[in-house]
């Protein structure tokens, strides 16, 4: 089922959450059996070591492409038992939702009001979001990455790349962290890239700056939410083969130590792990998925 979040009824009886003030919920248990005060201090209870997400509500943004990372991630989360919602800026999300058997929404995630409407619509249809994958922002043929030297980059082009790749993650995270904190459990995984946090190429300053910013947002938010049972991590893909891949990008993938580009499902596997209860002791981290390309000192034949 697909729903246009832009048309969501925001006048109903369900109150909007105050996302600016996360709660302080934390599950604890007492340790020690002595009478001394210091022996009965509470410590957090660890999540069970399982990959299952049965009954959890998960939202994956940027899942409009049938061969993209968002789509592959939504499929994996559904296989793990999550109740999955997907969102993109176009109505092709209707097709993806039908293929996966999940709920689809249409929203512009660079627009604060549309993100708010999306949050209300997902809560009404599925319940409170407990797993958020901020995948929106990756370039596509319809919305290609701006490749231009800084000296020739317009302000609008710069702002567009920052909004698409960084602001979307900020707005979506802010919309859901309050509820996660109140319930004492949550997972946020942000999609960064090796471009920016690890390396950079000429003409991609705006994209690299945005993806480096995603890592900074991830780490800061992880520390803000750590007492509330919410983990926040980033996954940084290298060259991944999708329908939007250029010939040059495919050649880059063939030159990695593994000898090929990665696949969306390989990235989705890393994302789904970080979304799971099994990753309860991992937060504020960036996991690089690039076939070893970023650690190779030189290319040998």
C-alpha atoms as a PDB file:
ATOM      1  CA  UNK A   1       0.000   0.000   0.000  1.00  0.00           C
ATOM      2  CA  UNK A   2       1.315   3.451  -0.878  1.00  0.00           C
ATOM      3  CA  UNK A   3       0.282   6.710   0.736  1.00  0.00           C
ATOM      4  CA  UNK A   4       1.137  10.282  -0.184  1.00  0.00           C
ATOM      5  CA  UNK A   5       2.372  11.863   3.053  1.00  0.00           C
ATOM      6  CA  UNK A   6       1.796  15.309   1.559  1.00  0.00           C
ATOM      7  CA  UNK A   7      -1.929  14.654   1.788  1.00  0.00           C
ATOM      8  CA  UNK A   8      -1.870  13.212   5.301  1.00  0.00           C
ATOM      9  CA  UNK A   9      -4.489  14.500   7.720  1.00  0.00           C
ATOM     10  CA  UNK A  10      -2.583  16.312  10.445  1.00  0.00           C
ATOM     11  CA  UNK A  11      -5.708  17.616  12.186  1.00  0.00           C
ATOM     12  CA  UNK A  12      -6.667  14.343  13.918  1.00  0.00           C
ATOM     13  CA  UNK A  13      -6.678  13.551  17.590  1.00  0.00           C
ATOM     14  CA  UNK A  14      -3.182  12.035  17.649  1.00  0.00           C
ATOM     15  CA  UNK A  15      -0.884  14.668  19.259  1.00  0.00           C
ATOM     16  CA  UNK A  16       2.389  15.578  17.617  1.00  0.00           C
ATOM     17  CA  UNK A  17       5.402  14.461  19.654  1.00  0.00           C
ATOM     18  CA  UNK A  18       7.811  17.091  20.939  1.00  0.00           C
ATOM     19  CA  UNK A  19      10.877  15.816  19.094  1.00  0.00           C
ATOM     20  CA  UNK A  20      13.098  18.516  20.561  1.00  0.00           C
ATOM     21  CA  UNK A  21      13.012  16.927  24.043  1.00  0.00           C
ATOM     22  CA  UNK A  22      13.895  13.219  24.007  1.00  0.00           C
ATOM     23  CA  UNK A  23      12.911  11.161  27.020  1.00  0.00           C
ATOM     24  CA  UNK A  24      15.174   9.477  29.512  1.00  0.00           C
ATOM     25  CA  UNK A  25      13.858   5.915  29.350  1.00  0.00           C
ATOM     26  CA  UNK A  26      16.471   3.298  30.134  1.00  0.00           C
ATOM     27  CA  UNK A  27      15.927  -0.315  31.198  1.00  0.00           C
ATOM     28  CA  UNK A  28      18.055  -1.127  34.239  1.00  0.00           C
ATOM     29  CA  UNK A  29      18.620  -3.878  36.739  1.00  0.00           C
ATOM     30  CA  UNK A  30      20.348  -3.912  40.122  1.00  0.00           C
ATOM     31  CA  UNK A  31      23.680  -5.663  40.567  1.00  0.00           C
ATOM     32  CA  UNK A  32      25.227  -7.027  43.717  1.00  0.00           C
ATOM     33  CA  UNK A  33      23.446  -8.375  46.757  1.00  0.00           C
ATOM     34  CA  UNK A  34      25.096  -6.511  49.603  1.00  0.00           C
ATOM     35  CA  UNK A  35      23.609  -3.823  51.779  1.00  0.00           C
ATOM     36  CA  UNK A  36      26.168  -1.189  50.813  1.00  0.00           C
ATOM     37  CA  UNK A  37      24.674   1.535  48.640  1.00  0.00           C
ATOM     38  CA  UNK A  38      27.396   1.212  46.032  1.00  0.00           C
ATOM     39  CA  UNK A  39      26.583  -2.447  45.400  1.00  0.00           C
ATOM     40  CA  UNK A  40      23.058  -1.883  44.123  1.00  0.00           C
ATOM     41  CA  UNK A  41      23.645   0.680  41.403  1.00  0.00           C
ATOM     42  CA  UNK A  42      21.593  -0.006  38.271  1.00  0.00           C
ATOM     43  CA  UNK A  43      23.275  -0.979  35.024  1.00  0.00           C
ATOM     44  CA  UNK A  44      21.673  -1.115  31.571  1.00  0.00           C
ATOM     45  CA  UNK A  45      20.178  -4.414  30.449  1.00  0.00           C
ATOM     46  CA  UNK A  46      21.699  -5.570  27.150  1.00  0.00           C
ATOM     47  CA  UNK A  47      19.496  -6.449  24.205  1.00  0.00           C
ATOM     48  CA  UNK A  48      19.298 -10.121  23.254  1.00  0.00           C
ATOM     49  CA  UNK A  49      21.875 -11.121  20.654  1.00  0.00           C
ATOM     50  CA  UNK A  50      19.510 -11.672  17.758  1.00  0.00           C
ATOM     51  CA  UNK A  51      19.060 -10.323  14.260  1.00  0.00           C
ATOM     52  CA  UNK A  52      15.279 -10.585  14.438  1.00  0.00           C
ATOM     53  CA  UNK A  53      13.147  -7.456  14.338  1.00  0.00           C
ATOM     54  CA  UNK A  54       9.756  -9.079  14.781  1.00  0.00           C
ATOM     55  CA  UNK A  55       7.041  -6.480  15.247  1.00  0.00           C
ATOM     56  CA  UNK A  56       9.411  -3.509  15.043  1.00  0.00           C
ATOM     57  CA  UNK A  57       8.375  -0.652  12.749  1.00  0.00           C
ATOM     58  CA  UNK A  58      11.138   0.322  10.311  1.00  0.00           C
ATOM     59  CA  UNK A  59      11.271   3.260   7.902  1.00  0.00           C
ATOM     60  CA  UNK A  60      13.674   3.230   4.957  1.00  0.00           C
ATOM     61  CA  UNK A  61      14.037   6.459   2.999  1.00  0.00           C
ATOM     62  CA  UNK A  62      15.113   6.714  -0.622  1.00  0.00           C
ATOM     63  CA  UNK A  63      13.771   3.302  -1.660  1.00  0.00           C
ATOM     64  CA  UNK A  64      12.281   4.197  -5.026  1.00  0.00           C
ATOM     65  CA  UNK A  65      14.721   2.232  -7.205  1.00  0.00           C
ATOM     66  CA  UNK A  66      14.161  -1.514  -7.563  1.00  0.00           C
ATOM     67  CA  UNK A  67      17.915  -2.152  -7.684  1.00  0.00           C
ATOM     68  CA  UNK A  68      19.011   0.399  -5.097  1.00  0.00           C
ATOM     69  CA  UNK A  69      20.373   0.147  -1.569  1.00  0.00           C
ATOM     70  CA  UNK A  70      17.139   1.389   0.014  1.00  0.00           C
ATOM     71  CA  UNK A  71      15.047  -1.275  -1.715  1.00  0.00           C
ATOM     72  CA  UNK A  72      17.485  -4.047  -0.782  1.00  0.00           C
ATOM     73  CA  UNK A  73      17.501  -2.819   2.818  1.00  0.00           C
ATOM     74  CA  UNK A  74      13.717  -2.726   3.041  1.00  0.00           C
ATOM     75  CA  UNK A  75      13.561  -6.301   1.741  1.00  0.00           C
ATOM     76  CA  UNK A  76      16.070  -7.518   4.338  1.00  0.00           C
ATOM     77  CA  UNK A  77      14.344  -5.751   7.222  1.00  0.00           C
ATOM     78  CA  UNK A  78      11.020  -7.252   6.178  1.00  0.00           C
ATOM     79  CA  UNK A  79      12.649 -10.695   6.062  1.00  0.00           C
ATOM     80  CA  UNK A  80      13.825 -10.093   9.653  1.00  0.00           C
ATOM     81  CA  UNK A  81      10.226  -9.575  10.740  1.00  0.00           C
ATOM     82  CA  UNK A  82       9.979  -5.784  10.748  1.00  0.00           C
ATOM     83  CA  UNK A  83       6.882  -3.920   9.642  1.00  0.00           C
ATOM     84  CA  UNK A  84       8.455  -1.788   6.944  1.00  0.00           C
ATOM     85  CA  UNK A  85       7.584   1.590   5.467  1.00  0.00           C
ATOM     86  CA  UNK A  86       9.448   3.034   2.505  1.00  0.00           C
ATOM     87  CA  UNK A  87       9.469   6.557   1.132  1.00  0.00           C
ATOM     88  CA  UNK A  88      10.698   8.393  -1.941  1.00  0.00           C
ATOM     89  CA  UNK A  89       9.960  11.662  -3.690  1.00  0.00           C
ATOM     90  CA  UNK A  90       8.086  10.094  -6.615  1.00  0.00           C
ATOM     91  CA  UNK A  91       5.050   7.889  -7.029  1.00  0.00           C
ATOM     92  CA  UNK A  92       7.155   5.003  -8.274  1.00  0.00           C
ATOM     93  CA  UNK A  93       7.328   4.087  -4.586  1.00  0.00           C
ATOM     94  CA  UNK A  94       3.850   2.606  -5.146  1.00  0.00           C
ATOM     95  CA  UNK A  95       5.409  -0.083  -7.348  1.00  0.00           C
ATOM     96  CA  UNK A  96       8.212  -0.812  -4.889  1.00  0.00           C
ATOM     97  CA  UNK A  97       5.776  -1.094  -1.986  1.00  0.00           C
ATOM     98  CA  UNK A  98       3.649  -3.565  -3.913  1.00  0.00           C
ATOM     99  CA  UNK A  99       6.660  -5.683  -4.859  1.00  0.00           C
ATOM    100  CA  UNK A 100       7.885  -5.889  -1.264  1.00  0.00           C
ATOM    101  CA  UNK A 101       4.518  -6.142   0.444  1.00  0.00           C
ATOM    102  CA  UNK A 102       5.247  -3.077   2.572  1.00  0.00           C
ATOM    103  CA  UNK A 103       3.728   0.385   2.987  1.00  0.00           C
ATOM    104  CA  UNK A 104       4.908   3.215   0.748  1.00  0.00           C
ATOM    105  CA  UNK A 105       4.830   6.973   1.205  1.00  0.00           C
ATOM    106  CA  UNK A 106       5.611   9.931  -1.036  1.00  0.00           C
ATOM    107  CA  UNK A 107       7.378  12.898   0.555  1.00  0.00           C
ATOM    108  CA  UNK A 108      10.077  15.480  -0.108  1.00  0.00           C
ATOM    109  CA  UNK A 109      12.451  14.853   2.790  1.00  0.00           C
ATOM    110  CA  UNK A 110      14.217  18.192   2.337  1.00  0.00           C
ATOM    111  CA  UNK A 111      10.947  19.882   3.373  1.00  0.00           C
ATOM    112  CA  UNK A 112      10.443  20.119   7.145  1.00  0.00           C
ATOM    113  CA  UNK A 113       6.650  20.133   6.956  1.00  0.00           C
ATOM    114  CA  UNK A 114       6.542  17.089   4.684  1.00  0.00           C
ATOM    115  CA  UNK A 115       8.801  15.150   7.049  1.00  0.00           C
ATOM    116  CA  UNK A 116       6.412  16.005   9.873  1.00  0.00           C
ATOM    117  CA  UNK A 117       3.460  14.813   7.792  1.00  0.00           C
ATOM    118  CA  UNK A 118       5.354  11.622   6.976  1.00  0.00           C
ATOM    119  CA  UNK A 119       5.997  10.945  10.666  1.00  0.00           C
ATOM    120  CA  UNK A 120       2.291  11.306  11.423  1.00  0.00           C
ATOM    121  CA  UNK A 121       1.259   9.138   8.480  1.00  0.00           C
ATOM    122  CA  UNK A 122       3.648   6.301   9.358  1.00  0.00           C
ATOM    123  CA  UNK A 123       2.545   6.370  12.998  1.00  0.00           C
ATOM    124  CA  UNK A 124      -1.104   6.227  11.967  1.00  0.00           C
ATOM    125  CA  UNK A 125      -0.637   3.389   9.489  1.00  0.00           C
ATOM    126  CA  UNK A 126       2.006   1.216  11.176  1.00  0.00           C
ATOM    127  CA  UNK A 127       2.831   2.579  14.637  1.00  0.00           C
ATOM    128  CA  UNK A 128       5.828   4.358  16.101  1.00  0.00           C
ATOM    129  CA  UNK A 129       9.057   4.065  14.131  1.00  0.00           C
ATOM    130  CA  UNK A 130      11.757   2.151  16.005  1.00  0.00           C
ATOM    131  CA  UNK A 131      14.226   1.605  13.152  1.00  0.00           C
ATOM    132  CA  UNK A 132      15.195   4.426  10.783  1.00  0.00           C
ATOM    133  CA  UNK A 133      17.458   4.034   7.764  1.00  0.00           C
ATOM    134  CA  UNK A 134      18.372   7.416   6.275  1.00  0.00           C
ATOM    135  CA  UNK A 135      19.240   6.278   2.769  1.00  0.00           C
ATOM    136  CA  UNK A 136      17.706   9.192   0.850  1.00  0.00           C
ATOM    137  CA  UNK A 137      20.157  11.399  -0.976  1.00  0.00           C
ATOM    138  CA  UNK A 138      22.061   9.081  -3.264  1.00  0.00           C
ATOM    139  CA  UNK A 139      22.283  10.433  -6.799  1.00  0.00           C
ATOM    140  CA  UNK A 140      20.277   8.963  -9.643  1.00  0.00           C
ATOM    141  CA  UNK A 141      19.917   9.504 -13.368  1.00  0.00           C
ATOM    142  CA  UNK A 142      16.881  11.685 -12.687  1.00  0.00           C
ATOM    143  CA  UNK A 143      18.758  13.683 -10.061  1.00  0.00           C
ATOM    144  CA  UNK A 144      22.466  13.344 -10.815  1.00  0.00           C
ATOM    145  CA  UNK A 145      25.297  14.363  -8.548  1.00  0.00           C
ATOM    146  CA  UNK A 146      26.694  17.822  -9.265  1.00  0.00           C
ATOM    147  CA  UNK A 147      30.232  17.445 -10.579  1.00  0.00           C
ATOM    148  CA  UNK A 148      31.869  20.838 -10.764  1.00  0.00           C
ATOM    149  CA  UNK A 149      34.983  22.452  -9.257  1.00  0.00           C
ATOM    150  CA  UNK A 150      34.328  24.659  -6.245  1.00  0.00           C
ATOM    151  CA  UNK A 151      35.255  27.773  -8.217  1.00  0.00           C
ATOM    152  CA  UNK A 152      32.448  27.007 -10.670  1.00  0.00           C
ATOM    153  CA  UNK A 153      29.909  25.662  -8.173  1.00  0.00           C
ATOM    154  CA  UNK A 154      26.836  27.822  -7.702  1.00  0.00           C
ATOM    155  CA  UNK A 155      25.330  28.367  -4.282  1.00  0.00           C
ATOM    156  CA  UNK A 156      22.123  26.643  -5.369  1.00  0.00           C
ATOM    157  CA  UNK A 157      24.078  23.586  -6.508  1.00  0.00           C
ATOM    158  CA  UNK A 158      25.988  23.484  -3.230  1.00  0.00           C
ATOM    159  CA  UNK A 159      22.814  23.890  -1.182  1.00  0.00           C
ATOM    160  CA  UNK A 160      21.024  21.235  -3.219  1.00  0.00           C
ATOM    161  CA  UNK A 161      23.706  18.610  -2.547  1.00  0.00           C
ATOM    162  CA  UNK A 162      23.838  19.454   1.161  1.00  0.00           C
ATOM    163  CA  UNK A 163      20.056  19.337   1.498  1.00  0.00           C
ATOM    164  CA  UNK A 164      19.669  16.094  -0.415  1.00  0.00           C
ATOM    165  CA  UNK A 165      22.453  14.216   1.348  1.00  0.00           C
ATOM    166  CA  UNK A 166      22.628  15.742   4.845  1.00  0.00           C
ATOM    167  CA  UNK A 167      19.518  17.773   5.650  1.00  0.00           C
ATOM    168  CA  UNK A 168      17.288  14.785   4.877  1.00  0.00           C
ATOM    169  CA  UNK A 169      19.089  12.704   7.512  1.00  0.00           C
ATOM    170  CA  UNK A 170      18.824  15.534  10.053  1.00  0.00           C
ATOM    171  CA  UNK A 171      15.113  16.161   9.518  1.00  0.00           C
ATOM    172  CA  UNK A 172      14.138  12.495   9.549  1.00  0.00           C
ATOM    173  CA  UNK A 173      16.253  11.707  12.601  1.00  0.00           C
ATOM    174  CA  UNK A 174      14.823  14.664  14.510  1.00  0.00           C
ATOM    175  CA  UNK A 175      11.283  13.569  13.677  1.00  0.00           C
ATOM    176  CA  UNK A 176      11.662  10.131  15.301  1.00  0.00           C
ATOM    177  CA  UNK A 177      14.277  10.292  18.063  1.00  0.00           C
ATOM    178  CA  UNK A 178      11.845  11.594  20.663  1.00  0.00           C
ATOM    179  CA  UNK A 179       9.614   8.560  20.369  1.00  0.00           C
ATOM    180  CA  UNK A 180      12.576   6.185  20.357  1.00  0.00           C
ATOM    181  CA  UNK A 181      13.931   7.757  23.535  1.00  0.00           C
ATOM    182  CA  UNK A 182      10.566   7.560  25.278  1.00  0.00           C
ATOM    183  CA  UNK A 183      10.351   3.833  24.527  1.00  0.00           C
ATOM    184  CA  UNK A 184      13.995   3.224  25.463  1.00  0.00           C
ATOM    185  CA  UNK A 185      14.945   1.492  22.197  1.00  0.00           C
ATOM    186  CA  UNK A 186      15.793   2.550  18.681  1.00  0.00           C
ATOM    187  CA  UNK A 187      18.142   2.151  15.739  1.00  0.00           C
ATOM    188  CA  UNK A 188      19.229   4.818  13.280  1.00  0.00           C
ATOM    189  CA  UNK A 189      21.544   4.008  10.382  1.00  0.00           C
ATOM    190  CA  UNK A 190      22.681   6.851   8.134  1.00  0.00           C
ATOM    191  CA  UNK A 191      24.069   6.323   4.641  1.00  0.00           C
ATOM    192  CA  UNK A 192      27.348   8.119   4.203  1.00  0.00           C
ATOM    193  CA  UNK A 193      29.931   7.253   1.514  1.00  0.00           C
ATOM    194  CA  UNK A 194      33.657   6.734   1.214  1.00  0.00           C
ATOM    195  CA  UNK A 195      33.710  10.032  -0.703  1.00  0.00           C
ATOM    196  CA  UNK A 196      34.080  12.646   2.020  1.00  0.00           C
ATOM    197  CA  UNK A 197      34.840  10.761   5.244  1.00  0.00           C
ATOM    198  CA  UNK A 198      37.573   8.586   3.679  1.00  0.00           C
ATOM    199  CA  UNK A 199      38.642  10.120   0.371  1.00  0.00           C
ATOM    200  CA  UNK A 200      37.603  12.679  -2.208  1.00  0.00           C
ATOM    201  CA  UNK A 201      37.921  13.439  -5.891  1.00  0.00           C
ATOM    202  CA  UNK A 202      38.032  16.730  -7.786  1.00  0.00           C
ATOM    203  CA  UNK A 203      34.636  18.233  -8.683  1.00  0.00           C
ATOM    204  CA  UNK A 204      32.717  16.493  -5.868  1.00  0.00           C
ATOM    205  CA  UNK A 205      33.239  18.929  -2.983  1.00  0.00           C
ATOM    206  CA  UNK A 206      29.540  19.420  -2.229  1.00  0.00           C
ATOM    207  CA  UNK A 207      28.752  15.703  -2.154  1.00  0.00           C
ATOM    208  CA  UNK A 208      31.901  14.917  -0.150  1.00  0.00           C
ATOM    209  CA  UNK A 209      31.141  17.668   2.358  1.00  0.00           C
ATOM    210  CA  UNK A 210      27.575  16.415   2.802  1.00  0.00           C
ATOM    211  CA  UNK A 211      28.633  12.784   3.325  1.00  0.00           C
ATOM    212  CA  UNK A 212      31.342  13.815   5.789  1.00  0.00           C
ATOM    213  CA  UNK A 213      28.650  15.815   7.552  1.00  0.00           C
ATOM    214  CA  UNK A 214      26.515  12.687   7.799  1.00  0.00           C
ATOM    215  CA  UNK A 215      29.281  11.054   9.849  1.00  0.00           C
ATOM    216  CA  UNK A 216      29.511  14.094  12.118  1.00  0.00           C
ATOM    217  CA  UNK A 217      25.741  14.052  12.613  1.00  0.00           C
ATOM    218  CA  UNK A 218      25.883  10.316  13.326  1.00  0.00           C
ATOM    219  CA  UNK A 219      28.510  10.641  16.036  1.00  0.00           C
ATOM    220  CA  UNK A 220      26.936  13.642  17.745  1.00  0.00           C
ATOM    221  CA  UNK A 221      23.475  12.089  17.740  1.00  0.00           C
ATOM    222  CA  UNK A 222      24.882   8.796  19.013  1.00  0.00           C
ATOM    223  CA  UNK A 223      26.241  10.557  22.083  1.00  0.00           C
ATOM    224  CA  UNK A 224      22.991  12.446  22.628  1.00  0.00           C
ATOM    225  CA  UNK A 225      20.905   9.260  22.504  1.00  0.00           C
ATOM    226  CA  UNK A 226      23.239   6.791  24.190  1.00  0.00           C
ATOM    227  CA  UNK A 227      21.457   6.909  27.564  1.00  0.00           C
ATOM    228  CA  UNK A 228      18.089   6.242  25.954  1.00  0.00           C
ATOM    229  CA  UNK A 229      18.754   2.858  24.366  1.00  0.00           C
ATOM    230  CA  UNK A 230      19.100   4.306  20.867  1.00  0.00           C
ATOM    231  CA  UNK A 231      22.124   3.528  18.700  1.00  0.00           C
ATOM    232  CA  UNK A 232      23.146   5.668  15.743  1.00  0.00           C
ATOM    233  CA  UNK A 233      25.629   4.452  13.142  1.00  0.00           C
ATOM    234  CA  UNK A 234      26.665   5.132   9.565  1.00  0.00           C
ATOM    235  CA  UNK A 235      27.425   2.870   6.618  1.00  0.00           C
ATOM    236  CA  UNK A 236      29.806   4.202   3.958  1.00  0.00           C
ATOM    237  CA  UNK A 237      29.546   2.348   0.643  1.00  0.00           C
ATOM    238  CA  UNK A 238      32.261   2.520  -1.961  1.00  0.00           C
ATOM    239  CA  UNK A 239      31.522   1.733  -5.600  1.00  0.00           C
ATOM    240  CA  UNK A 240      28.202  -0.111  -5.717  1.00  0.00           C
ATOM    241  CA  UNK A 241      26.670  -1.386  -8.944  1.00  0.00           C
ATOM    242  CA  UNK A 242      23.148  -0.069  -9.532  1.00  0.00           C
ATOM    243  CA  UNK A 243      21.145   1.076 -12.550  1.00  0.00           C
ATOM    244  CA  UNK A 244      22.490   4.574 -11.923  1.00  0.00           C
ATOM    245  CA  UNK A 245      26.136   3.475 -12.137  1.00  0.00           C
ATOM    246  CA  UNK A 246      28.193   5.073 -14.894  1.00  0.00           C
ATOM    247  CA  UNK A 247      30.747   3.213 -16.989  1.00  0.00           C
ATOM    248  CA  UNK A 248      33.507   5.057 -15.129  1.00  0.00           C
ATOM    249  CA  UNK A 249      32.098   3.928 -11.767  1.00  0.00           C
ATOM    250  CA  UNK A 250      31.866   0.319 -12.922  1.00  0.00           C
ATOM    251  CA  UNK A 251      35.494   0.459 -14.035  1.00  0.00           C
ATOM    252  CA  UNK A 252      36.422   1.841 -10.622  1.00  0.00           C
ATOM    253  CA  UNK A 253      34.691  -1.131  -9.057  1.00  0.00           C
ATOM    254  CA  UNK A 254      36.653  -3.555 -11.228  1.00  0.00           C
ATOM    255  CA  UNK A 255      39.830  -1.949  -9.899  1.00  0.00           C
ATOM    256  CA  UNK A 256      39.091  -2.643  -6.219  1.00  0.00           C
ATOM    257  CA  UNK A 257      41.039  -5.337  -4.346  1.00  0.00           C
ATOM    258  CA  UNK A 258      37.969  -7.574  -4.552  1.00  0.00           C
ATOM    259  CA  UNK A 259      37.933  -7.048  -8.316  1.00  0.00           C
ATOM    260  CA  UNK A 260      34.327  -5.941  -8.756  1.00  0.00           C
ATOM    261  CA  UNK A 261      31.830  -3.332  -7.598  1.00  0.00           C
ATOM    262  CA  UNK A 262      29.737  -4.089  -4.557  1.00  0.00           C
ATOM    263  CA  UNK A 263      26.034  -4.919  -4.697  1.00  0.00           C
ATOM    264  CA  UNK A 264      23.123  -3.167  -2.985  1.00  0.00           C
ATOM    265  CA  UNK A 265      22.371  -6.359  -1.068  1.00  0.00           C
ATOM    266  CA  UNK A 266      25.905  -6.419   0.380  1.00  0.00           C
ATOM    267  CA  UNK A 267      25.412  -2.897   1.698  1.00  0.00           C
ATOM    268  CA  UNK A 268      21.930  -3.814   2.943  1.00  0.00           C
ATOM    269  CA  UNK A 269      23.428  -6.711   4.912  1.00  0.00           C
ATOM    270  CA  UNK A 270      25.637  -4.279   6.845  1.00  0.00           C
ATOM    271  CA  UNK A 271      22.753  -1.885   7.405  1.00  0.00           C
ATOM    272  CA  UNK A 272      20.376  -4.585   8.633  1.00  0.00           C
ATOM    273  CA  UNK A 273      22.951  -5.834  11.138  1.00  0.00           C
ATOM    274  CA  UNK A 274      23.316  -2.360  12.632  1.00  0.00           C
ATOM    275  CA  UNK A 275      19.508  -2.143  12.804  1.00  0.00           C
ATOM    276  CA  UNK A 276      19.251  -5.358  14.788  1.00  0.00           C
ATOM    277  CA  UNK A 277      19.278  -6.030  18.547  1.00  0.00           C
ATOM    278  CA  UNK A 278      22.558  -7.886  17.951  1.00  0.00           C
ATOM    279  CA  UNK A 279      24.301  -4.541  17.346  1.00  0.00           C
ATOM    280  CA  UNK A 280      23.330  -3.134  20.735  1.00  0.00           C
ATOM    281  CA  UNK A 281      26.946  -2.344  21.765  1.00  0.00           C
ATOM    282  CA  UNK A 282      27.825  -0.487  18.555  1.00  0.00           C
ATOM    283  CA  UNK A 283      27.071   3.223  18.273  1.00  0.00           C
ATOM    284  CA  UNK A 284      28.653   6.307  16.742  1.00  0.00           C
ATOM    285  CA  UNK A 285      30.568   4.197  14.223  1.00  0.00           C
ATOM    286  CA  UNK A 286      31.065   4.278  10.457  1.00  0.00           C
ATOM    287  CA  UNK A 287      31.226   0.911   8.690  1.00  0.00           C
ATOM    288  CA  UNK A 288      32.966   1.088   5.305  1.00  0.00           C
ATOM    289  CA  UNK A 289      31.674  -1.308   2.627  1.00  0.00           C
ATOM    290  CA  UNK A 290      34.055  -0.891  -0.301  1.00  0.00           C
ATOM    291  CA  UNK A 291      35.817  -4.180  -1.001  1.00  0.00           C
ATOM    292  CA  UNK A 292      38.951  -3.002   0.779  1.00  0.00           C
ATOM    293  CA  UNK A 293      39.522  -0.148  -1.641  1.00  0.00           C
ATOM    294  CA  UNK A 294      40.055   2.537   0.995  1.00  0.00           C
ATOM    295  CA  UNK A 295      42.786   0.638   2.840  1.00  0.00           C
ATOM    296  CA  UNK A 296      44.945  -0.293  -0.141  1.00  0.00           C
ATOM    297  CA  UNK A 297      48.119   1.769  -0.304  1.00  0.00           C
ATOM    298  CA  UNK A 298      48.844   1.112  -3.969  1.00  0.00           C
ATOM    299  CA  UNK A 299      47.487  -0.942  -6.822  1.00  0.00           C
ATOM    300  CA  UNK A 300      49.597  -3.927  -7.816  1.00  0.00           C
ATOM    301  CA  UNK A 301      49.262  -6.179 -10.814  1.00  0.00           C
END
